Amino acid sequence: MINKSDILHRTTYVWKEDEGYAIIIKNDGNKVILNQDATKLWKIINDEDSVEIICDLIKEKYNISEDKTLIAIKALIEAGVVSNLDMFWGD
């Protein structure tokens, strides 16, 4: 479940962009290719902003509705390239 107050995190940082498509190598070694719209959304996620703020940024910058952005966020979570769970690194 996604709450508007959730902070979104990228779950991997091995990626490159080719003609607007993000090619991501996940931590498990699997490759995910995001289309141009998903790439725009994925690049905005910065480990600091809430779902609500990201929806507002996407609407302002690309005129995409909150409903469509929420669907895209859920798809990124299901693909394993974004998480809305708190992430702690190290000890």
PDB file of N, CA and C in Angstrom:
ATOM      1  N   MET A   1       0.841  -1.180   0.000  1.00  0.00           N
ATOM      2  CA  MET A   1       0.000   0.000   0.000  1.00  0.00           C
ATOM      3  C   MET A   1       0.887   1.245   0.000  1.00  0.00           C
ATOM      4  N   ILE A   2       0.473   2.230  -0.715  1.00  0.00           N
ATOM      5  CA  ILE A   2       1.211   3.490  -0.790  1.00  0.00           C
ATOM      6  C   ILE A   2       0.413   4.567  -0.070  1.00  0.00           C
ATOM      7  N   ASN A   3       1.086   5.286   0.802  1.00  0.00           N
ATOM      8  CA  ASN A   3       0.492   6.444   1.454  1.00  0.00           C
ATOM      9  C   ASN A   3       1.147   7.693   0.890  1.00  0.00           C
ATOM     10  N   LYS A   4       0.388   8.773   0.844  1.00  0.00           N
ATOM     11  CA  LYS A   4       0.935  10.005   0.278  1.00  0.00           C
ATOM     12  C   LYS A   4       2.108  10.552   1.083  1.00  0.00           C
ATOM     13  N   SER A   5       2.213  10.144   2.347  1.00  0.00           N
ATOM     14  CA  SER A   5       3.318  10.633   3.176  1.00  0.00           C
ATOM     15  C   SER A   5       4.568   9.757   3.074  1.00  0.00           C
ATOM     16  N   ASP A   6       4.474   8.601   2.385  1.00  0.00           N
ATOM     17  CA  ASP A   6       5.632   7.719   2.224  1.00  0.00           C
ATOM     18  C   ASP A   6       6.759   8.436   1.486  1.00  0.00           C
ATOM     19  N   ILE A   7       7.980   8.184   1.928  1.00  0.00           N
ATOM     20  CA  ILE A   7       9.163   8.664   1.224  1.00  0.00           C
ATOM     21  C   ILE A   7       9.584   7.566   0.258  1.00  0.00           C
ATOM     22  N   LEU A   8       9.856   7.931  -0.990  1.00  0.00           N
ATOM     23  CA  LEU A   8      10.258   6.945  -1.988  1.00  0.00           C
ATOM     24  C   LEU A   8      11.772   6.901  -2.116  1.00  0.00           C
ATOM     25  N   HIS A   9      12.292   5.694  -2.336  1.00  0.00           N
ATOM     26  CA  HIS A   9      13.727   5.472  -2.463  1.00  0.00           C
ATOM     27  C   HIS A   9      13.996   4.667  -3.722  1.00  0.00           C
ATOM     28  N   ARG A  10      15.036   5.025  -4.440  1.00  0.00           N
ATOM     29  CA  ARG A  10      15.511   4.148  -5.507  1.00  0.00           C
ATOM     30  C   ARG A  10      16.191   2.966  -4.832  1.00  0.00           C
ATOM     31  N   THR A  11      16.012   1.774  -5.376  1.00  0.00           N
ATOM     32  CA  THR A  11      16.600   0.593  -4.747  1.00  0.00           C
ATOM     33  C   THR A  11      17.888   0.159  -5.422  1.00  0.00           C
ATOM     34  N   THR A  12      18.280   0.831  -6.464  1.00  0.00           N
ATOM     35  CA  THR A  12      19.510   0.486  -7.172  1.00  0.00           C
ATOM     36  C   THR A  12      20.082   1.739  -7.813  1.00  0.00           C
ATOM     37  N   TYR A  13      21.369   1.745  -8.033  1.00  0.00           N
ATOM     38  CA  TYR A  13      21.988   2.919  -8.631  1.00  0.00           C
ATOM     39  C   TYR A  13      22.834   2.585  -9.845  1.00  0.00           C
ATOM     40  N   VAL A  14      22.794   1.343 -10.302  1.00  0.00           N
ATOM     41  CA  VAL A  14      23.521   0.982 -11.514  1.00  0.00           C
ATOM     42  C   VAL A  14      22.551   1.150 -12.675  1.00  0.00           C
ATOM     43  N   TRP A  15      22.747   2.217 -13.438  1.00  0.00           N
ATOM     44  CA  TRP A  15      21.820   2.487 -14.530  1.00  0.00           C
ATOM     45  C   TRP A  15      22.485   3.386 -15.551  1.00  0.00           C
ATOM     46  N   LYS A  16      21.876   3.417 -16.721  1.00  0.00           N
ATOM     47  CA  LYS A  16      22.276   4.388 -17.738  1.00  0.00           C
ATOM     48  C   LYS A  16      21.018   4.790 -18.487  1.00  0.00           C
ATOM     49  N   GLU A  17      21.102   5.903 -19.162  1.00  0.00           N
ATOM     50  CA  GLU A  17      19.962   6.392 -19.935  1.00  0.00           C
ATOM     51  C   GLU A  17      20.342   6.386 -21.403  1.00  0.00           C
ATOM     52  N   ASP A  18      19.439   5.869 -22.222  1.00  0.00           N
ATOM     53  CA  ASP A  18      19.661   5.793 -23.661  1.00  0.00           C
ATOM     54  C   ASP A  18      18.390   6.241 -24.364  1.00  0.00           C
ATOM     55  N   GLU A  19      18.460   7.386 -25.026  1.00  0.00           N
ATOM     56  CA  GLU A  19      17.331   7.956 -25.760  1.00  0.00           C
ATOM     57  C   GLU A  19      16.084   8.092 -24.879  1.00  0.00           C
ATOM     58  N   GLY A  20      16.290   8.470 -23.612  1.00  0.00           N
ATOM     59  CA  GLY A  20      15.181   8.700 -22.700  1.00  0.00           C
ATOM     60  C   GLY A  20      14.710   7.475 -21.947  1.00  0.00           C
ATOM     61  N   TYR A  21      15.268   6.313 -22.251  1.00  0.00           N
ATOM     62  CA  TYR A  21      14.915   5.078 -21.558  1.00  0.00           C
ATOM     63  C   TYR A  21      15.976   4.787 -20.503  1.00  0.00           C
ATOM     64  N   ALA A  22      15.549   4.467 -19.276  1.00  0.00           N
ATOM     65  CA  ALA A  22      16.499   4.072 -18.234  1.00  0.00           C
ATOM     66  C   ALA A  22      16.704   2.569 -18.309  1.00  0.00           C
ATOM     67  N   ILE A  23      17.956   2.171 -18.342  1.00  0.00           N
ATOM     68  CA  ILE A  23      18.321   0.756 -18.313  1.00  0.00           C
ATOM     69  C   ILE A  23      18.951   0.530 -16.944  1.00  0.00           C
ATOM     70  N   ILE A  24      18.266  -0.246 -16.109  1.00  0.00           N
ATOM     71  CA  ILE A  24      18.643  -0.405 -14.709  1.00  0.00           C
ATOM     72  C   ILE A  24      19.051  -1.849 -14.451  1.00  0.00           C
ATOM     73  N   ILE A  25      20.184  -2.016 -13.799  1.00  0.00           N
ATOM     74  CA  ILE A  25      20.593  -3.332 -13.319  1.00  0.00           C
ATOM     75  C   ILE A  25      20.273  -3.360 -11.822  1.00  0.00           C
ATOM     76  N   LYS A  26      19.320  -4.211 -11.447  1.00  0.00           N
ATOM     77  CA  LYS A  26      18.918  -4.303 -10.045  1.00  0.00           C
ATOM     78  C   LYS A  26      19.992  -5.030  -9.242  1.00  0.00           C
ATOM     79  N   ASN A  27      19.894  -4.917  -7.931  1.00  0.00           N
ATOM     80  CA  ASN A  27      20.876  -5.542  -7.047  1.00  0.00           C
ATOM     81  C   ASN A  27      20.921  -7.053  -7.198  1.00  0.00           C
ATOM     82  N   ASP A  28      19.834  -7.670  -7.669  1.00  0.00           N
ATOM     83  CA  ASP A  28      19.827  -9.122  -7.878  1.00  0.00           C
ATOM     84  C   ASP A  28      20.386  -9.508  -9.246  1.00  0.00           C
ATOM     85  N   GLY A  29      20.825  -8.515 -10.030  1.00  0.00           N
ATOM     86  CA  GLY A  29      21.421  -8.772 -11.337  1.00  0.00           C
ATOM     87  C   GLY A  29      20.450  -8.706 -12.499  1.00  0.00           C
ATOM     88  N   ASN A  30      19.160  -8.653 -12.224  1.00  0.00           N
ATOM     89  CA  ASN A  30      18.169  -8.561 -13.295  1.00  0.00           C
ATOM     90  C   ASN A  30      18.126  -7.154 -13.876  1.00  0.00           C
ATOM     91  N   LYS A  31      17.833  -7.085 -15.168  1.00  0.00           N
ATOM     92  CA  LYS A  31      17.771  -5.804 -15.874  1.00  0.00           C
ATOM     93  C   LYS A  31      16.316  -5.379 -16.039  1.00  0.00           C
ATOM     94  N   VAL A  32      16.065  -4.090 -15.826  1.00  0.00           N
ATOM     95  CA  VAL A  32      14.752  -3.485 -16.042  1.00  0.00           C
ATOM     96  C   VAL A  32      14.957  -2.305 -16.976  1.00  0.00           C
ATOM     97  N   ILE A  33      14.124  -2.205 -18.001  1.00  0.00           N
ATOM     98  CA  ILE A  33      14.167  -1.056 -18.914  1.00  0.00           C
ATOM     99  C   ILE A  33      12.877  -0.268 -18.725  1.00  0.00           C
ATOM    100  N   LEU A  34      13.020   0.996 -18.362  1.00  0.00           N
ATOM    101  CA  LEU A  34      11.864   1.866 -18.153  1.00  0.00           C
ATOM    102  C   LEU A  34      11.592   2.674 -19.407  1.00  0.00           C
ATOM    103  N   ASN A  35      10.306   2.834 -19.733  1.00  0.00           N
ATOM    104  CA  ASN A  35       9.971   3.687 -20.867  1.00  0.00           C
ATOM    105  C   ASN A  35      10.270   5.142 -20.502  1.00  0.00           C
ATOM    106  N   GLN A  36      10.092   6.036 -21.438  1.00  0.00           N
ATOM    107  CA  GLN A  36      10.490   7.428 -21.233  1.00  0.00           C
ATOM    108  C   GLN A  36       9.726   8.098 -20.095  1.00  0.00           C
ATOM    109  N   ASP A  37       8.418   7.840 -19.985  1.00  0.00           N
ATOM    110  CA  ASP A  37       7.650   8.447 -18.895  1.00  0.00           C
ATOM    111  C   ASP A  37       8.071   7.894 -17.540  1.00  0.00           C
ATOM    112  N   ALA A  38       8.255   6.581 -17.454  1.00  0.00           N
ATOM    113  CA  ALA A  38       8.694   5.972 -16.193  1.00  0.00           C
ATOM    114  C   ALA A  38      10.089   6.459 -15.820  1.00  0.00           C
ATOM    115  N   THR A  39      10.931   6.678 -16.814  1.00  0.00           N
ATOM    116  CA  THR A  39      12.280   7.189 -16.556  1.00  0.00           C
ATOM    117  C   THR A  39      12.216   8.583 -15.947  1.00  0.00           C
ATOM    118  N   LYS A  40      11.353   9.444 -16.481  1.00  0.00           N
ATOM    119  CA  LYS A  40      11.203  10.795 -15.919  1.00  0.00           C
ATOM    120  C   LYS A  40      10.810  10.718 -14.449  1.00  0.00           C
ATOM    121  N   LEU A  41       9.847   9.861 -14.139  1.00  0.00           N
ATOM    122  CA  LEU A  41       9.389   9.699 -12.763  1.00  0.00           C
ATOM    123  C   LEU A  41      10.508   9.141 -11.891  1.00  0.00           C
ATOM    124  N   TRP A  42      11.162   8.090 -12.349  1.00  0.00           N
ATOM    125  CA  TRP A  42      12.218   7.436 -11.573  1.00  0.00           C
ATOM    126  C   TRP A  42      13.351   8.409 -11.248  1.00  0.00           C
ATOM    127  N   LYS A  43      13.690   9.271 -12.195  1.00  0.00           N
ATOM    128  CA  LYS A  43      14.780  10.224 -11.983  1.00  0.00           C
ATOM    129  C   LYS A  43      14.422  11.306 -10.960  1.00  0.00           C
ATOM    130  N   ILE A  44      13.136  11.590 -10.786  1.00  0.00           N
ATOM    131  CA  ILE A  44      12.708  12.599  -9.814  1.00  0.00           C
ATOM    132  C   ILE A  44      12.795  12.068  -8.386  1.00  0.00           C
ATOM    133  N   ILE A  45      12.648  10.759  -8.222  1.00  0.00           N
ATOM    134  CA  ILE A  45      12.682  10.155  -6.887  1.00  0.00           C
ATOM    135  C   ILE A  45      14.083  10.332  -6.311  1.00  0.00           C
ATOM    136  N   ASN A  46      14.152  10.905  -5.093  1.00  0.00           N
ATOM    137  CA  ASN A  46      15.455  11.317  -4.566  1.00  0.00           C
ATOM    138  C   ASN A  46      15.711  10.935  -3.115  1.00  0.00           C
ATOM    139  N   ASP A  47      14.950  10.016  -2.562  1.00  0.00           N
ATOM    140  CA  ASP A  47      15.115   9.558  -1.173  1.00  0.00           C
ATOM    141  C   ASP A  47      14.727  10.608  -0.139  1.00  0.00           C
ATOM    142  N   GLU A  48      14.133  11.697  -0.548  1.00  0.00           N
ATOM    143  CA  GLU A  48      13.757  12.746   0.396  1.00  0.00           C
ATOM    144  C   GLU A  48      12.293  13.149   0.278  1.00  0.00           C
ATOM    145  N   ASP A  49      11.721  13.065  -0.909  1.00  0.00           N
ATOM    146  CA  ASP A  49      10.378  13.584  -1.136  1.00  0.00           C
ATOM    147  C   ASP A  49       9.311  12.519  -0.922  1.00  0.00           C
ATOM    148  N   SER A  50       8.172  12.964  -0.428  1.00  0.00           N
ATOM    149  CA  SER A  50       7.038  12.069  -0.218  1.00  0.00           C
ATOM    150  C   SER A  50       6.340  11.791  -1.549  1.00  0.00           C
ATOM    151  N   VAL A  51       5.480  10.790  -1.532  1.00  0.00           N
ATOM    152  CA  VAL A  51       4.671  10.468  -2.710  1.00  0.00           C
ATOM    153  C   VAL A  51       3.877  11.696  -3.137  1.00  0.00           C
ATOM    154  N   GLU A  52       3.313  12.398  -2.169  1.00  0.00           N
ATOM    155  CA  GLU A  52       2.513  13.585  -2.475  1.00  0.00           C
ATOM    156  C   GLU A  52       3.340  14.648  -3.202  1.00  0.00           C
ATOM    157  N   ILE A  53       4.542  14.905  -2.727  1.00  0.00           N
ATOM    158  CA  ILE A  53       5.409  15.905  -3.361  1.00  0.00           C
ATOM    159  C   ILE A  53       5.795  15.460  -4.766  1.00  0.00           C
ATOM    160  N   ILE A  54       6.114  14.186  -4.928  1.00  0.00           N
ATOM    161  CA  ILE A  54       6.483  13.680  -6.251  1.00  0.00           C
ATOM    162  C   ILE A  54       5.310  13.795  -7.214  1.00  0.00           C
ATOM    163  N   CYS A  55       4.102  13.475  -6.756  1.00  0.00           N
ATOM    164  CA  CYS A  55       2.916  13.630  -7.614  1.00  0.00           C
ATOM    165  C   CYS A  55       2.752  15.083  -8.043  1.00  0.00           C
ATOM    166  N   ASP A  56       2.957  16.009  -7.107  1.00  0.00           N
ATOM    167  CA  ASP A  56       2.855  17.436  -7.435  1.00  0.00           C
ATOM    168  C   ASP A  56       3.921  17.849  -8.449  1.00  0.00           C
ATOM    169  N   LEU A  57       5.158  17.363  -8.263  1.00  0.00           N
ATOM    170  CA  LEU A  57       6.240  17.702  -9.198  1.00  0.00           C
ATOM    171  C   LEU A  57       5.946  17.179 -10.604  1.00  0.00           C
ATOM    172  N   ILE A  58       5.466  15.953 -10.691  1.00  0.00           N
ATOM    173  CA  ILE A  58       5.152  15.350 -11.993  1.00  0.00           C
ATOM    174  C   ILE A  58       4.015  16.110 -12.667  1.00  0.00           C
ATOM    175  N   LYS A  59       3.002  16.484 -11.887  1.00  0.00           N
ATOM    176  CA  LYS A  59       1.877  17.232 -12.461  1.00  0.00           C
ATOM    177  C   LYS A  59       2.346  18.592 -12.973  1.00  0.00           C
ATOM    178  N   GLU A  60       3.172  19.267 -12.169  1.00  0.00           N
ATOM    179  CA  GLU A  60       3.666  20.594 -12.547  1.00  0.00           C
ATOM    180  C   GLU A  60       4.583  20.535 -13.764  1.00  0.00           C
ATOM    181  N   LYS A  61       5.495  19.571 -13.771  1.00  0.00           N
ATOM    182  CA  LYS A  61       6.513  19.519 -14.820  1.00  0.00           C
ATOM    183  C   LYS A  61       6.007  18.882 -16.111  1.00  0.00           C
ATOM    184  N   TYR A  62       5.160  17.834 -15.991  1.00  0.00           N
ATOM    185  CA  TYR A  62       4.763  17.069 -17.176  1.00  0.00           C
ATOM    186  C   TYR A  62       3.249  17.025 -17.398  1.00  0.00           C
ATOM    187  N   ASN A  63       2.473  17.677 -16.531  1.00  0.00           N
ATOM    188  CA  ASN A  63       1.017  17.717 -16.639  1.00  0.00           C
ATOM    189  C   ASN A  63       0.405  16.309 -16.663  1.00  0.00           C
ATOM    190  N   ILE A  64       0.908  15.438 -15.792  1.00  0.00           N
ATOM    191  CA  ILE A  64       0.386  14.078 -15.656  1.00  0.00           C
ATOM    192  C   ILE A  64      -0.400  14.024 -14.349  1.00  0.00           C
ATOM    193  N   SER A  65      -1.591  13.445 -14.390  1.00  0.00           N
ATOM    194  CA  SER A  65      -2.479  13.434 -13.230  1.00  0.00           C
ATOM    195  C   SER A  65      -1.902  12.630 -12.069  1.00  0.00           C
ATOM    196  N   GLU A  66      -2.391  12.932 -10.881  1.00  0.00           N
ATOM    197  CA  GLU A  66      -1.963  12.204  -9.684  1.00  0.00           C
ATOM    198  C   GLU A  66      -2.305  10.720  -9.795  1.00  0.00           C
ATOM    199  N   ASP A  67      -3.492  10.400 -10.311  1.00  0.00           N
ATOM    200  CA  ASP A  67      -3.892   8.993 -10.452  1.00  0.00           C
ATOM    201  C   ASP A  67      -2.914   8.220 -11.330  1.00  0.00           C
ATOM    202  N   LYS A  68      -2.539   8.801 -12.461  1.00  0.00           N
ATOM    203  CA  LYS A  68      -1.590   8.128 -13.357  1.00  0.00           C
ATOM    204  C   LYS A  68      -0.210   8.013 -12.710  1.00  0.00           C
ATOM    205  N   THR A  69       0.183   9.036 -11.969  1.00  0.00           N
ATOM    206  CA  THR A  69       1.478   8.991 -11.291  1.00  0.00           C
ATOM    207  C   THR A  69       1.484   7.912 -10.218  1.00  0.00           C
ATOM    208  N   LEU A  70       0.397   7.789  -9.459  1.00  0.00           N
ATOM    209  CA  LEU A  70       0.319   6.745  -8.431  1.00  0.00           C
ATOM    210  C   LEU A  70       0.387   5.354  -9.051  1.00  0.00           C
ATOM    211  N   ILE A  71      -0.273   5.163 -10.183  1.00  0.00           N
ATOM    212  CA  ILE A  71      -0.207   3.880 -10.893  1.00  0.00           C
ATOM    213  C   ILE A  71       1.235   3.597 -11.310  1.00  0.00           C
ATOM    214  N   ALA A  72       1.915   4.618 -11.814  1.00  0.00           N
ATOM    215  CA  ALA A  72       3.309   4.452 -12.249  1.00  0.00           C
ATOM    216  C   ALA A  72       4.227   4.165 -11.062  1.00  0.00           C
ATOM    217  N   ILE A  73       3.996   4.833  -9.935  1.00  0.00           N
ATOM    218  CA  ILE A  73       4.803   4.580  -8.739  1.00  0.00           C
ATOM    219  C   ILE A  73       4.628   3.130  -8.291  1.00  0.00           C
ATOM    220  N   LYS A  74       3.386   2.653  -8.268  1.00  0.00           N
ATOM    221  CA  LYS A  74       3.128   1.258  -7.891  1.00  0.00           C
ATOM    222  C   LYS A  74       3.848   0.301  -8.833  1.00  0.00           C
ATOM    223  N   ALA A  75       3.856   0.607 -10.120  1.00  0.00           N
ATOM    224  CA  ALA A  75       4.540  -0.252 -11.097  1.00  0.00           C
ATOM    225  C   ALA A  75       6.049  -0.261 -10.849  1.00  0.00           C
ATOM    226  N   LEU A  76       6.624   0.893 -10.502  1.00  0.00           N
ATOM    227  CA  LEU A  76       8.056   0.954 -10.199  1.00  0.00           C
ATOM    228  C   LEU A  76       8.384   0.148  -8.944  1.00  0.00           C
ATOM    229  N   ILE A  77       7.493   0.190  -7.960  1.00  0.00           N
ATOM    230  CA  ILE A  77       7.690  -0.606  -6.746  1.00  0.00           C
ATOM    231  C   ILE A  77       7.615  -2.092  -7.087  1.00  0.00           C
ATOM    232  N   GLU A  78       6.607  -2.484  -7.878  1.00  0.00           N
ATOM    233  CA  GLU A  78       6.460  -3.888  -8.273  1.00  0.00           C
ATOM    234  C   GLU A  78       7.654  -4.376  -9.098  1.00  0.00           C
ATOM    235  N   ALA A  79       8.245  -3.490  -9.888  1.00  0.00           N
ATOM    236  CA  ALA A  79       9.418  -3.857 -10.692  1.00  0.00           C
ATOM    237  C   ALA A  79      10.679  -3.957  -9.836  1.00  0.00           C
ATOM    238  N   GLY A  80      10.606  -3.452  -8.608  1.00  0.00           N
ATOM    239  CA  GLY A  80      11.743  -3.550  -7.702  1.00  0.00           C
ATOM    240  C   GLY A  80      12.798  -2.477  -7.869  1.00  0.00           C
ATOM    241  N   VAL A  81      12.459  -1.379  -8.531  1.00  0.00           N
ATOM    242  CA  VAL A  81      13.441  -0.306  -8.712  1.00  0.00           C
ATOM    243  C   VAL A  81      13.165   0.895  -7.811  1.00  0.00           C
ATOM    244  N   VAL A  82      12.052   0.836  -7.061  1.00  0.00           N
ATOM    245  CA  VAL A  82      11.684   1.871  -6.104  1.00  0.00           C
ATOM    246  C   VAL A  82      11.078   1.168  -4.892  1.00  0.00           C
ATOM    247  N   SER A  83      11.275   1.756  -3.724  1.00  0.00           N
ATOM    248  CA  SER A  83      10.665   1.227  -2.508  1.00  0.00           C
ATOM    249  C   SER A  83      10.049   2.369  -1.722  1.00  0.00           C
ATOM    250  N   ASN A  84       8.944   2.075  -1.038  1.00  0.00           N
ATOM    251  CA  ASN A  84       8.367   3.057  -0.132  1.00  0.00           C
ATOM    252  C   ASN A  84       8.594   2.629   1.319  1.00  0.00           C
ATOM    253  N   LEU A  85       9.479   1.656   1.517  1.00  0.00           N
ATOM    254  CA  LEU A  85       9.848   1.212   2.857  1.00  0.00           C
ATOM    255  C   LEU A  85      11.094   1.957   3.302  1.00  0.00           C
ATOM    256  N   ASP A  86      11.191   2.210   4.606  1.00  0.00           N
ATOM    257  CA  ASP A  86      12.402   2.857   5.122  1.00  0.00           C
ATOM    258  C   ASP A  86      13.590   1.951   4.883  1.00  0.00           C
ATOM    259  N   MET A  87      14.693   2.536   4.470  1.00  0.00           N
ATOM    260  CA  MET A  87      15.889   1.762   4.166  1.00  0.00           C
ATOM    261  C   MET A  87      17.016   2.223   5.075  1.00  0.00           C
ATOM    262  N   PHE A  88      17.664   1.265   5.727  1.00  0.00           N
ATOM    263  CA  PHE A  88      18.794   1.561   6.594  1.00  0.00           C
ATOM    264  C   PHE A  88      19.994   0.796   6.084  1.00  0.00           C
ATOM    265  N   TRP A  89      21.134   1.439   6.024  1.00  0.00           N
ATOM    266  CA  TRP A  89      22.359   0.818   5.527  1.00  0.00           C
ATOM    267  C   TRP A  89      23.369   0.740   6.657  1.00  0.00           C
ATOM    268  N   GLY A  90      24.129  -0.311   6.690  1.00  0.00           N
ATOM    269  CA  GLY A  90      25.179  -0.465   7.691  1.00  0.00           C
ATOM    270  C   GLY A  90      24.655  -1.026   8.996  1.00  0.00           C
ATOM    271  N   ASP A  91      25.442  -0.854  10.051  1.00  0.00           N
ATOM    272  CA  ASP A  91      25.083  -1.408  11.368  1.00  0.00           C
ATOM    273  C   ASP A  91      24.110  -0.528  12.096  1.00  0.00           C
TER     274      ASP A  91
END
